Amino acid sequence: MASMEKDSVSGQYTTGHEWDGIKELNTPLPKWWVYVFWATVIWSIAYWVAMPTWPGISDYSRGMLNYSSRNDLASELKAQKQSRAKYEAKIAALPVDEVVKDKDLRNFAMVGGKVLFNENCAPCHGAGGVGVANAYPNLADDEWIWGGTLADLQQTISFGVRNTNGNSHVSEMPKFGTDGLLTKEQIDQVADYVVSLSAKAGSSGGGAAGSPGEAIFNEQCVACHQEGGVGSKDVGAPALNNNIWLFKGGKDAVKQVVVNQVSNPRHGSMPAWSERLDETSIKMLSVYVHSLGGGK
């Protein structure tokens, strides 16, 4: 290490450090850089005094400006709520059937309903209401077990299906196989007939008119599913003549699902959203869901 000396070329003093004959110059920082550095130091001190900075055990320093991003958010939400208030008030005052007749209200309900659907319904029914096979029904078709009018949808969304709410839809299909109401052979015959209703050929030909399967269906199933398997929204009995199935099977999918449901049916449940959402929100949801499958 050499001693500090003045470099003959640059005129700058060296630091006294030298490596392989190369001497390090003691060049001062540019003045603009020094000024910027001290400006940032002063700024940081001012920010520390003016803004919330230091956390405490149960609170934090408020700063001289008492700024709060949470308060800003609350103000923005309040402003948005006020801007929506006139539309929400109109929706609250009108039956859901009248809401869709007003273009502005319908558009507002569609946008709000989509947001509500994504927040509350999509986890089960999927984005856009496409449903989940073997679990949750598709809302993007025109098959509505409990009715597809706006009023029907409002009722279903409000009170749900098979839950603890006293106004919920309730239906239960008998366990024809588990409870011994029908033999395995009879279940197979009625399954063939049900398959034939949706224009699917039965594996054993039991779906033909006048077959044992038809006789069993007329005796055991018509009361709920109606003649020809058209279904009934009054008791939540799905149509069996349209080839729309919630539960899927294996190789012989349609036949297998019918056999399973007749033998030991599965019953889904839906929460009563009136216990979580206000009436206006439910009306907007009804309008949006109604639009997914065309409604009735």
C-alpha atoms as a PDB file:
ATOM      1  CA  MET A   1       0.000   0.000   0.000  1.00  0.00           C
ATOM      2  CA  ALA A   2       1.454   3.339  -1.025  1.00  0.00           C
ATOM      3  CA  SER A   3       1.086   6.634   0.850  1.00  0.00           C
ATOM      4  CA  MET A   4      -1.406   9.317  -0.268  1.00  0.00           C
ATOM      5  CA  GLU A   5      -0.043  11.470  -3.063  1.00  0.00           C
ATOM      6  CA  LYS A   6      -1.294  13.669  -5.852  1.00  0.00           C
ATOM      7  CA  ASP A   7      -1.863  11.960  -9.158  1.00  0.00           C
ATOM      8  CA  SER A   8       0.126  13.693 -11.878  1.00  0.00           C
ATOM      9  CA  VAL A   9      -2.454  12.952 -14.609  1.00  0.00           C
ATOM     10  CA  SER A  10      -5.787  13.788 -12.980  1.00  0.00           C
ATOM     11  CA  GLY A  11      -4.546  16.166 -10.339  1.00  0.00           C
ATOM     12  CA  GLN A  12      -6.583  14.243  -7.695  1.00  0.00           C
ATOM     13  CA  TYR A  13      -5.124  12.895  -4.490  1.00  0.00           C
ATOM     14  CA  THR A  14      -4.980   9.141  -4.163  1.00  0.00           C
ATOM     15  CA  THR A  15      -6.431   7.172  -1.275  1.00  0.00           C
ATOM     16  CA  GLY A  16      -3.155   5.424  -0.659  1.00  0.00           C
ATOM     17  CA  HIS A  17      -4.504   2.172  -2.097  1.00  0.00           C
ATOM     18  CA  GLU A  18      -2.637   0.571  -4.990  1.00  0.00           C
ATOM     19  CA  TRP A  19      -3.107  -2.769  -6.751  1.00  0.00           C
ATOM     20  CA  ASP A  20      -0.766  -3.987  -9.447  1.00  0.00           C
ATOM     21  CA  GLY A  21       0.476  -0.478 -10.048  1.00  0.00           C
ATOM     22  CA  ILE A  22      -3.049   0.965 -10.310  1.00  0.00           C
ATOM     23  CA  LYS A  23      -3.673   3.756  -7.787  1.00  0.00           C
ATOM     24  CA  GLU A  24      -7.150   4.533  -6.419  1.00  0.00           C
ATOM     25  CA  LEU A  25      -8.095   8.182  -6.724  1.00  0.00           C
ATOM     26  CA  ASN A  26      -9.842   9.983  -3.898  1.00  0.00           C
ATOM     27  CA  THR A  27     -12.364  11.624  -6.233  1.00  0.00           C
ATOM     28  CA  PRO A  28     -15.134  13.491  -4.397  1.00  0.00           C
ATOM     29  CA  LEU A  29     -18.802  12.751  -5.104  1.00  0.00           C
ATOM     30  CA  PRO A  30     -20.557  15.044  -7.591  1.00  0.00           C
ATOM     31  CA  LYS A  31     -22.213  17.961  -5.835  1.00  0.00           C
ATOM     32  CA  TRP A  32     -25.643  17.155  -7.376  1.00  0.00           C
ATOM     33  CA  TRP A  33     -25.468  13.653  -5.894  1.00  0.00           C
ATOM     34  CA  VAL A  34     -24.639  15.054  -2.433  1.00  0.00           C
ATOM     35  CA  TYR A  35     -27.505  17.540  -2.663  1.00  0.00           C
ATOM     36  CA  VAL A  36     -29.962  14.794  -3.679  1.00  0.00           C
ATOM     37  CA  PHE A  37     -28.745  12.582  -0.858  1.00  0.00           C
ATOM     38  CA  TRP A  38     -29.302  15.249   1.808  1.00  0.00           C
ATOM     39  CA  ALA A  39     -32.668  16.147   0.248  1.00  0.00           C
ATOM     40  CA  THR A  40     -33.806  12.547   0.688  1.00  0.00           C
ATOM     41  CA  VAL A  41     -32.599  12.553   4.287  1.00  0.00           C
ATOM     42  CA  ILE A  42     -34.595  15.716   4.994  1.00  0.00           C
ATOM     43  CA  TRP A  43     -37.605  14.254   3.155  1.00  0.00           C
ATOM     44  CA  SER A  44     -37.474  11.037   5.213  1.00  0.00           C
ATOM     45  CA  ILE A  45     -37.441  13.014   8.451  1.00  0.00           C
ATOM     46  CA  ALA A  46     -40.376  15.141   7.294  1.00  0.00           C
ATOM     47  CA  TYR A  47     -42.285  12.018   6.229  1.00  0.00           C
ATOM     48  CA  TRP A  48     -41.547  10.369   9.576  1.00  0.00           C
ATOM     49  CA  VAL A  49     -43.040  13.373  11.392  1.00  0.00           C
ATOM     50  CA  ALA A  50     -46.031  13.949   9.083  1.00  0.00           C
ATOM     51  CA  MET A  51     -47.220  10.413   8.249  1.00  0.00           C
ATOM     52  CA  PRO A  52     -48.082   7.292  10.289  1.00  0.00           C
ATOM     53  CA  THR A  53     -44.843   5.385  10.631  1.00  0.00           C
ATOM     54  CA  TRP A  54     -44.001   3.706  13.913  1.00  0.00           C
ATOM     55  CA  PRO A  55     -45.972   0.662  15.088  1.00  0.00           C
ATOM     56  CA  GLY A  56     -46.707   0.218  18.759  1.00  0.00           C
ATOM     57  CA  ILE A  57     -47.957  -2.640  20.892  1.00  0.00           C
ATOM     58  CA  SER A  58     -51.631  -1.855  20.369  1.00  0.00           C
ATOM     59  CA  ASP A  59     -51.564   1.159  18.051  1.00  0.00           C
ATOM     60  CA  TYR A  60     -49.296   3.213  15.780  1.00  0.00           C
ATOM     61  CA  SER A  61     -48.076   6.794  15.467  1.00  0.00           C
ATOM     62  CA  ARG A  62     -50.679   8.891  13.645  1.00  0.00           C
ATOM     63  CA  GLY A  63     -48.363  11.584  12.278  1.00  0.00           C
ATOM     64  CA  MET A  64     -49.115  15.312  12.097  1.00  0.00           C
ATOM     65  CA  LEU A  65     -51.317  14.853   8.992  1.00  0.00           C
ATOM     66  CA  ASN A  66     -53.291  12.026  10.635  1.00  0.00           C
ATOM     67  CA  TYR A  67     -53.500  10.272   7.243  1.00  0.00           C
ATOM     68  CA  SER A  68     -55.219   6.882   6.981  1.00  0.00           C
ATOM     69  CA  SER A  69     -55.603   4.824   3.802  1.00  0.00           C
ATOM     70  CA  ARG A  70     -58.419   2.969   5.563  1.00  0.00           C
ATOM     71  CA  ASN A  71     -60.321   6.242   5.931  1.00  0.00           C
ATOM     72  CA  ASP A  72     -59.728   6.961   2.238  1.00  0.00           C
ATOM     73  CA  LEU A  73     -61.162   3.563   1.346  1.00  0.00           C
ATOM     74  CA  ALA A  74     -64.169   4.156   3.591  1.00  0.00           C
ATOM     75  CA  SER A  75     -64.776   7.502   1.888  1.00  0.00           C
ATOM     76  CA  GLU A  76     -64.566   5.930  -1.564  1.00  0.00           C
ATOM     77  CA  LEU A  77     -66.939   3.126  -0.587  1.00  0.00           C
ATOM     78  CA  LYS A  78     -69.354   5.651   0.868  1.00  0.00           C
ATOM     79  CA  ALA A  79     -69.272   7.667  -2.371  1.00  0.00           C
ATOM     80  CA  GLN A  80     -69.903   4.537  -4.439  1.00  0.00           C
ATOM     81  CA  LYS A  81     -72.752   3.520  -2.167  1.00  0.00           C
ATOM     82  CA  GLN A  82     -74.344   6.932  -2.597  1.00  0.00           C
ATOM     83  CA  SER A  83     -74.026   6.696  -6.384  1.00  0.00           C
ATOM     84  CA  ARG A  84     -75.774   3.296  -6.324  1.00  0.00           C
ATOM     85  CA  ALA A  85     -78.438   4.319  -3.849  1.00  0.00           C
ATOM     86  CA  LYS A  86     -80.964   5.631  -6.394  1.00  0.00           C
ATOM     87  CA  TYR A  87     -80.872   2.390  -8.397  1.00  0.00           C
ATOM     88  CA  GLU A  88     -80.985   0.168  -5.326  1.00  0.00           C
ATOM     89  CA  ALA A  89     -83.927   2.122  -3.918  1.00  0.00           C
ATOM     90  CA  LYS A  90     -85.883   1.598  -7.144  1.00  0.00           C
ATOM     91  CA  ILE A  91     -85.049  -2.122  -7.242  1.00  0.00           C
ATOM     92  CA  ALA A  92     -86.087  -2.490  -3.605  1.00  0.00           C
ATOM     93  CA  ALA A  93     -89.453  -0.856  -4.324  1.00  0.00           C
ATOM     94  CA  LEU A  94     -90.306  -2.937  -7.414  1.00  0.00           C
ATOM     95  CA  PRO A  95     -91.168  -6.621  -7.893  1.00  0.00           C
ATOM     96  CA  VAL A  96     -88.341  -8.438  -9.633  1.00  0.00           C
ATOM     97  CA  ASP A  97     -90.515  -8.874 -12.745  1.00  0.00           C
ATOM     98  CA  GLU A  98     -90.765  -5.092 -13.059  1.00  0.00           C
ATOM     99  CA  VAL A  99     -87.038  -4.523 -12.571  1.00  0.00           C
ATOM    100  CA  VAL A 100     -86.163  -6.146 -15.918  1.00  0.00           C
ATOM    101  CA  LYS A 101     -88.648  -3.926 -17.773  1.00  0.00           C
ATOM    102  CA  ASP A 102     -86.574  -0.840 -16.984  1.00  0.00           C
ATOM    103  CA  LYS A 103     -83.428  -0.863 -19.145  1.00  0.00           C
ATOM    104  CA  ASP A 104     -81.286   1.093 -16.676  1.00  0.00           C
ATOM    105  CA  LEU A 105     -82.381  -0.991 -13.691  1.00  0.00           C
ATOM    106  CA  ARG A 106     -81.882  -4.209 -15.624  1.00  0.00           C
ATOM    107  CA  ASN A 107     -78.340  -3.249 -16.637  1.00  0.00           C
ATOM    108  CA  PHE A 108     -77.528  -2.216 -13.066  1.00  0.00           C
ATOM    109  CA  ALA A 109     -78.978  -5.473 -11.706  1.00  0.00           C
ATOM    110  CA  MET A 110     -77.040  -7.543 -14.236  1.00  0.00           C
ATOM    111  CA  VAL A 111     -73.704  -5.966 -13.284  1.00  0.00           C
ATOM    112  CA  GLY A 112     -74.383  -6.121  -9.552  1.00  0.00           C
ATOM    113  CA  GLY A 113     -75.814  -9.631  -9.827  1.00  0.00           C
ATOM    114  CA  LYS A 114     -72.689 -10.876 -11.596  1.00  0.00           C
ATOM    115  CA  VAL A 115     -70.482  -9.518  -8.808  1.00  0.00           C
ATOM    116  CA  LEU A 116     -72.714 -11.096  -6.161  1.00  0.00           C
ATOM    117  CA  PHE A 117     -72.757 -14.388  -8.057  1.00  0.00           C
ATOM    118  CA  ASN A 118     -68.961 -14.511  -8.308  1.00  0.00           C
ATOM    119  CA  GLU A 119     -68.619 -13.751  -4.597  1.00  0.00           C
ATOM    120  CA  ASN A 120     -71.285 -16.112  -3.275  1.00  0.00           C
ATOM    121  CA  CYS A 121     -72.417 -18.667  -5.868  1.00  0.00           C
ATOM    122  CA  ALA A 122     -69.487 -19.409  -8.180  1.00  0.00           C
ATOM    123  CA  PRO A 123     -67.611 -21.545  -5.589  1.00  0.00           C
ATOM    124  CA  CYS A 124     -70.345 -24.178  -6.048  1.00  0.00           C
ATOM    125  CA  HIS A 125     -72.009 -23.446  -9.400  1.00  0.00           C
ATOM    126  CA  GLY A 126     -68.815 -22.429 -11.206  1.00  0.00           C
ATOM    127  CA  ALA A 127     -67.955 -19.303 -13.188  1.00  0.00           C
ATOM    128  CA  GLY A 128     -70.874 -18.383 -15.394  1.00  0.00           C
ATOM    129  CA  GLY A 129     -73.057 -20.941 -13.625  1.00  0.00           C
ATOM    130  CA  VAL A 130     -71.767 -23.918 -15.636  1.00  0.00           C
ATOM    131  CA  GLY A 131     -72.168 -26.202 -12.618  1.00  0.00           C
ATOM    132  CA  VAL A 132     -70.071 -29.130 -11.421  1.00  0.00           C
ATOM    133  CA  ALA A 133     -70.874 -32.665 -12.554  1.00  0.00           C
ATOM    134  CA  ASN A 134     -71.985 -34.990  -9.772  1.00  0.00           C
ATOM    135  CA  ALA A 135     -72.341 -32.087  -7.355  1.00  0.00           C
ATOM    136  CA  TYR A 136     -73.944 -28.769  -8.335  1.00  0.00           C
ATOM    137  CA  PRO A 137     -76.515 -28.081 -11.084  1.00  0.00           C
ATOM    138  CA  ASN A 138     -75.785 -26.150 -14.242  1.00  0.00           C
ATOM    139  CA  LEU A 139     -77.506 -22.750 -14.241  1.00  0.00           C
ATOM    140  CA  ALA A 140     -76.536 -21.952 -17.830  1.00  0.00           C
ATOM    141  CA  ASP A 141     -79.134 -24.226 -19.400  1.00  0.00           C
ATOM    142  CA  ASP A 142     -82.913 -23.886 -19.335  1.00  0.00           C
ATOM    143  CA  GLU A 143     -83.602 -26.648 -16.829  1.00  0.00           C
ATOM    144  CA  TRP A 144     -84.991 -25.310 -13.531  1.00  0.00           C
ATOM    145  CA  ILE A 145     -86.106 -27.932 -11.029  1.00  0.00           C
ATOM    146  CA  TRP A 146     -87.905 -25.423  -8.817  1.00  0.00           C
ATOM    147  CA  GLY A 147     -89.133 -23.183 -11.637  1.00  0.00           C
ATOM    148  CA  GLY A 148     -87.327 -20.763 -13.904  1.00  0.00           C
ATOM    149  CA  THR A 149     -89.334 -17.546 -13.708  1.00  0.00           C
ATOM    150  CA  LEU A 150     -87.794 -14.535 -12.002  1.00  0.00           C
ATOM    151  CA  ALA A 151     -90.155 -14.963  -9.064  1.00  0.00           C
ATOM    152  CA  ASP A 152     -89.264 -18.677  -8.823  1.00  0.00           C
ATOM    153  CA  LEU A 153     -85.550 -17.894  -8.816  1.00  0.00           C
ATOM    154  CA  GLN A 154     -85.989 -15.190  -6.197  1.00  0.00           C
ATOM    155  CA  GLN A 155     -87.812 -17.696  -3.982  1.00  0.00           C
ATOM    156  CA  THR A 156     -85.129 -20.353  -4.445  1.00  0.00           C
ATOM    157  CA  ILE A 157     -82.218 -17.966  -3.857  1.00  0.00           C
ATOM    158  CA  SER A 158     -83.931 -16.410  -0.836  1.00  0.00           C
ATOM    159  CA  PHE A 159     -84.737 -19.592   1.039  1.00  0.00           C
ATOM    160  CA  GLY A 160     -82.625 -22.310  -0.590  1.00  0.00           C
ATOM    161  CA  VAL A 161     -83.191 -26.033  -0.748  1.00  0.00           C
ATOM    162  CA  ARG A 162     -83.259 -28.627   2.029  1.00  0.00           C
ATOM    163  CA  ASN A 163     -81.819 -26.483   4.791  1.00  0.00           C
ATOM    164  CA  THR A 164     -82.921 -25.368   8.245  1.00  0.00           C
ATOM    165  CA  ASN A 165     -84.871 -22.349   6.970  1.00  0.00           C
ATOM    166  CA  GLY A 166     -88.599 -22.902   7.398  1.00  0.00           C
ATOM    167  CA  ASN A 167     -89.361 -21.566   3.910  1.00  0.00           C
ATOM    168  CA  SER A 168     -86.770 -23.591   2.001  1.00  0.00           C
ATOM    169  CA  HIS A 169     -87.744 -25.970  -0.797  1.00  0.00           C
ATOM    170  CA  VAL A 170     -87.984 -29.492   0.521  1.00  0.00           C
ATOM    171  CA  SER A 171     -88.242 -32.707  -1.469  1.00  0.00           C
ATOM    172  CA  GLU A 172     -86.936 -36.190  -0.956  1.00  0.00           C
ATOM    173  CA  MET A 173     -86.934 -39.129  -3.297  1.00  0.00           C
ATOM    174  CA  PRO A 174     -87.654 -42.513  -1.687  1.00  0.00           C
ATOM    175  CA  LYS A 175     -84.816 -45.014  -1.417  1.00  0.00           C
ATOM    176  CA  PHE A 176     -86.471 -47.634  -3.579  1.00  0.00           C
ATOM    177  CA  GLY A 177     -83.540 -50.015  -3.429  1.00  0.00           C
ATOM    178  CA  THR A 178     -82.116 -49.416   0.050  1.00  0.00           C
ATOM    179  CA  ASP A 179     -85.547 -49.577   1.692  1.00  0.00           C
ATOM    180  CA  GLY A 180     -86.625 -52.609  -0.325  1.00  0.00           C
ATOM    181  CA  LEU A 181     -89.481 -50.873  -2.130  1.00  0.00           C
ATOM    182  CA  LEU A 182     -88.301 -52.311  -5.449  1.00  0.00           C
ATOM    183  CA  THR A 183     -86.195 -55.318  -6.326  1.00  0.00           C
ATOM    184  CA  LYS A 184     -82.928 -55.022  -8.254  1.00  0.00           C
ATOM    185  CA  GLU A 185     -84.665 -56.368 -11.345  1.00  0.00           C
ATOM    186  CA  GLN A 186     -87.498 -53.833 -11.036  1.00  0.00           C
ATOM    187  CA  ILE A 187     -85.015 -50.989 -10.587  1.00  0.00           C
ATOM    188  CA  ASP A 188     -83.208 -52.101 -13.733  1.00  0.00           C
ATOM    189  CA  GLN A 189     -86.494 -52.185 -15.636  1.00  0.00           C
ATOM    190  CA  VAL A 190     -87.640 -48.735 -14.534  1.00  0.00           C
ATOM    191  CA  ALA A 191     -84.170 -47.363 -15.258  1.00  0.00           C
ATOM    192  CA  ASP A 192     -84.432 -48.637 -18.830  1.00  0.00           C
ATOM    193  CA  TYR A 193     -87.792 -46.931 -19.185  1.00  0.00           C
ATOM    194  CA  VAL A 194     -86.465 -43.620 -17.829  1.00  0.00           C
ATOM    195  CA  VAL A 195     -83.523 -43.836 -20.243  1.00  0.00           C
ATOM    196  CA  SER A 196     -85.960 -44.306 -23.113  1.00  0.00           C
ATOM    197  CA  LEU A 197     -87.790 -41.113 -22.105  1.00  0.00           C
ATOM    198  CA  SER A 198     -84.659 -39.118 -22.932  1.00  0.00           C
ATOM    199  CA  ALA A 199     -84.323 -40.884 -26.291  1.00  0.00           C
ATOM    200  CA  LYS A 200     -81.626 -43.261 -25.050  1.00  0.00           C
ATOM    201  CA  ALA A 201     -81.893 -46.954 -25.910  1.00  0.00           C
ATOM    202  CA  GLY A 202     -82.160 -49.158 -22.825  1.00  0.00           C
ATOM    203  CA  SER A 203     -79.588 -51.881 -22.397  1.00  0.00           C
ATOM    204  CA  SER A 204     -82.236 -54.569 -21.995  1.00  0.00           C
ATOM    205  CA  GLY A 205     -85.071 -53.113 -24.001  1.00  0.00           C
ATOM    206  CA  GLY A 206     -87.114 -52.416 -20.865  1.00  0.00           C
ATOM    207  CA  GLY A 207     -87.943 -48.914 -21.996  1.00  0.00           C
ATOM    208  CA  ALA A 208     -90.412 -49.930 -24.670  1.00  0.00           C
ATOM    209  CA  ALA A 209     -94.031 -48.798 -24.282  1.00  0.00           C
ATOM    210  CA  GLY A 210     -96.038 -51.304 -22.298  1.00  0.00           C
ATOM    211  CA  SER A 211     -92.915 -52.723 -20.690  1.00  0.00           C
ATOM    212  CA  PRO A 212     -92.623 -53.665 -17.008  1.00  0.00           C
ATOM    213  CA  GLY A 213     -90.494 -50.552 -16.544  1.00  0.00           C
ATOM    214  CA  GLU A 214     -93.319 -48.308 -17.732  1.00  0.00           C
ATOM    215  CA  ALA A 215     -95.772 -50.004 -15.382  1.00  0.00           C
ATOM    216  CA  ILE A 216     -93.413 -49.535 -12.421  1.00  0.00           C
ATOM    217  CA  PHE A 217     -92.819 -45.898 -13.387  1.00  0.00           C
ATOM    218  CA  ASN A 218     -96.584 -45.231 -13.566  1.00  0.00           C
ATOM    219  CA  GLU A 219     -97.086 -46.840 -10.188  1.00  0.00           C
ATOM    220  CA  GLN A 220     -94.096 -45.447  -8.282  1.00  0.00           C
ATOM    221  CA  CYS A 221     -92.789 -42.330 -10.072  1.00  0.00           C
ATOM    222  CA  VAL A 222     -95.604 -40.515 -11.898  1.00  0.00           C
ATOM    223  CA  ALA A 223     -96.883 -38.849  -8.731  1.00  0.00           C
ATOM    224  CA  CYS A 224     -93.775 -36.657  -8.648  1.00  0.00           C
ATOM    225  CA  HIS A 225     -92.159 -36.818 -12.078  1.00  0.00           C
ATOM    226  CA  GLN A 226     -95.494 -36.693 -13.901  1.00  0.00           C
ATOM    227  CA  GLU A 227     -96.625 -38.693 -16.895  1.00  0.00           C
ATOM    228  CA  GLY A 228     -93.922 -38.927 -19.508  1.00  0.00           C
ATOM    229  CA  GLY A 229     -91.326 -37.755 -16.971  1.00  0.00           C
ATOM    230  CA  VAL A 230     -91.910 -34.047 -17.616  1.00  0.00           C
ATOM    231  CA  GLY A 231     -91.151 -33.224 -13.974  1.00  0.00           C
ATOM    232  CA  SER A 232     -92.892 -30.925 -11.515  1.00  0.00           C
ATOM    233  CA  LYS A 233     -91.509 -27.734  -9.978  1.00  0.00           C
ATOM    234  CA  ASP A 234     -94.106 -27.944  -7.195  1.00  0.00           C
ATOM    235  CA  VAL A 235     -92.303 -30.874  -5.590  1.00  0.00           C
ATOM    236  CA  GLY A 236     -88.855 -30.292  -7.078  1.00  0.00           C
ATOM    237  CA  ALA A 237     -89.036 -33.372  -9.285  1.00  0.00           C
ATOM    238  CA  PRO A 238     -86.683 -32.927 -12.262  1.00  0.00           C
ATOM    239  CA  ALA A 239     -87.743 -33.666 -15.807  1.00  0.00           C
ATOM    240  CA  LEU A 240     -86.535 -37.083 -16.976  1.00  0.00           C
ATOM    241  CA  ASN A 241     -87.265 -36.625 -20.673  1.00  0.00           C
ATOM    242  CA  ASN A 242     -84.627 -34.085 -21.685  1.00  0.00           C
ATOM    243  CA  ASN A 243     -81.294 -35.906 -21.277  1.00  0.00           C
ATOM    244  CA  ILE A 244     -80.041 -33.399 -18.669  1.00  0.00           C
ATOM    245  CA  TRP A 245     -78.443 -35.250 -15.753  1.00  0.00           C
ATOM    246  CA  LEU A 246     -76.740 -33.835 -12.681  1.00  0.00           C
ATOM    247  CA  PHE A 247     -75.083 -37.084 -11.655  1.00  0.00           C
ATOM    248  CA  LYS A 248     -72.951 -38.950 -14.179  1.00  0.00           C
ATOM    249  CA  GLY A 249     -72.175 -42.634 -14.420  1.00  0.00           C
ATOM    250  CA  GLY A 250     -69.556 -44.827 -16.042  1.00  0.00           C
ATOM    251  CA  LYS A 251     -69.653 -46.724 -19.327  1.00  0.00           C
ATOM    252  CA  ASP A 252     -73.427 -46.821 -19.479  1.00  0.00           C
ATOM    253  CA  ALA A 253     -73.676 -43.328 -17.949  1.00  0.00           C
ATOM    254  CA  VAL A 254     -77.365 -42.513 -18.181  1.00  0.00           C
ATOM    255  CA  LYS A 255     -78.578 -45.963 -17.227  1.00  0.00           C
ATOM    256  CA  GLN A 256     -76.167 -46.161 -14.279  1.00  0.00           C
ATOM    257  CA  VAL A 257     -77.138 -42.777 -12.854  1.00  0.00           C
ATOM    258  CA  VAL A 258     -80.807 -43.699 -12.951  1.00  0.00           C
ATOM    259  CA  VAL A 259     -80.144 -47.024 -11.233  1.00  0.00           C
ATOM    260  CA  ASN A 260     -78.113 -45.272  -8.527  1.00  0.00           C
ATOM    261  CA  GLN A 261     -80.694 -42.583  -7.920  1.00  0.00           C
ATOM    262  CA  VAL A 262     -83.616 -45.000  -7.785  1.00  0.00           C
ATOM    263  CA  SER A 263     -81.743 -47.350  -5.450  1.00  0.00           C
ATOM    264  CA  ASN A 264     -80.278 -44.822  -3.002  1.00  0.00           C
ATOM    265  CA  PRO A 265     -80.812 -41.211  -4.168  1.00  0.00           C
ATOM    266  CA  ARG A 266     -78.505 -38.329  -3.282  1.00  0.00           C
ATOM    267  CA  HIS A 267     -80.085 -35.064  -2.111  1.00  0.00           C
ATOM    268  CA  GLY A 268     -78.251 -31.780  -2.394  1.00  0.00           C
ATOM    269  CA  SER A 269     -78.666 -28.710  -0.208  1.00  0.00           C
ATOM    270  CA  MET A 270     -78.540 -24.968  -0.884  1.00  0.00           C
ATOM    271  CA  PRO A 271     -78.269 -22.233   1.780  1.00  0.00           C
ATOM    272  CA  ALA A 272     -80.960 -19.617   2.340  1.00  0.00           C
ATOM    273  CA  TRP A 273     -79.311 -16.472   1.013  1.00  0.00           C
ATOM    274  CA  SER A 274     -81.929 -14.233   2.621  1.00  0.00           C
ATOM    275  CA  GLU A 275     -80.059 -14.964   5.852  1.00  0.00           C
ATOM    276  CA  ARG A 276     -76.891 -13.430   4.375  1.00  0.00           C
ATOM    277  CA  LEU A 277     -77.945 -10.955   1.669  1.00  0.00           C
ATOM    278  CA  ASP A 278     -80.538  -8.189   1.584  1.00  0.00           C
ATOM    279  CA  GLU A 279     -83.612  -8.334  -0.639  1.00  0.00           C
ATOM    280  CA  THR A 280     -82.189  -5.941  -3.239  1.00  0.00           C
ATOM    281  CA  SER A 281     -79.090  -8.090  -3.669  1.00  0.00           C
ATOM    282  CA  ILE A 282     -81.245 -11.194  -4.079  1.00  0.00           C
ATOM    283  CA  LYS A 283     -83.307  -9.473  -6.777  1.00  0.00           C
ATOM    284  CA  MET A 284     -80.125  -8.558  -8.662  1.00  0.00           C
ATOM    285  CA  LEU A 285     -78.892 -12.140  -8.321  1.00  0.00           C
ATOM    286  CA  SER A 286     -82.229 -13.393  -9.651  1.00  0.00           C
ATOM    287  CA  VAL A 287     -81.959 -11.167 -12.728  1.00  0.00           C
ATOM    288  CA  TYR A 288     -78.393 -12.332 -13.426  1.00  0.00           C
ATOM    289  CA  VAL A 289     -79.052 -16.048 -12.897  1.00  0.00           C
ATOM    290  CA  HIS A 290     -82.219 -15.794 -14.989  1.00  0.00           C
ATOM    291  CA  SER A 291     -80.123 -14.444 -17.863  1.00  0.00           C
ATOM    292  CA  LEU A 292     -77.636 -17.327 -17.762  1.00  0.00           C
ATOM    293  CA  GLY A 293     -80.030 -19.947 -19.061  1.00  0.00           C
ATOM    294  CA  GLY A 294     -82.660 -17.882 -20.791  1.00  0.00           C
ATOM    295  CA  GLY A 295     -85.135 -18.324 -17.964  1.00  0.00           C
ATOM    296  CA  LYS A 296     -88.816 -19.015 -18.380  1.00  0.00           C
END
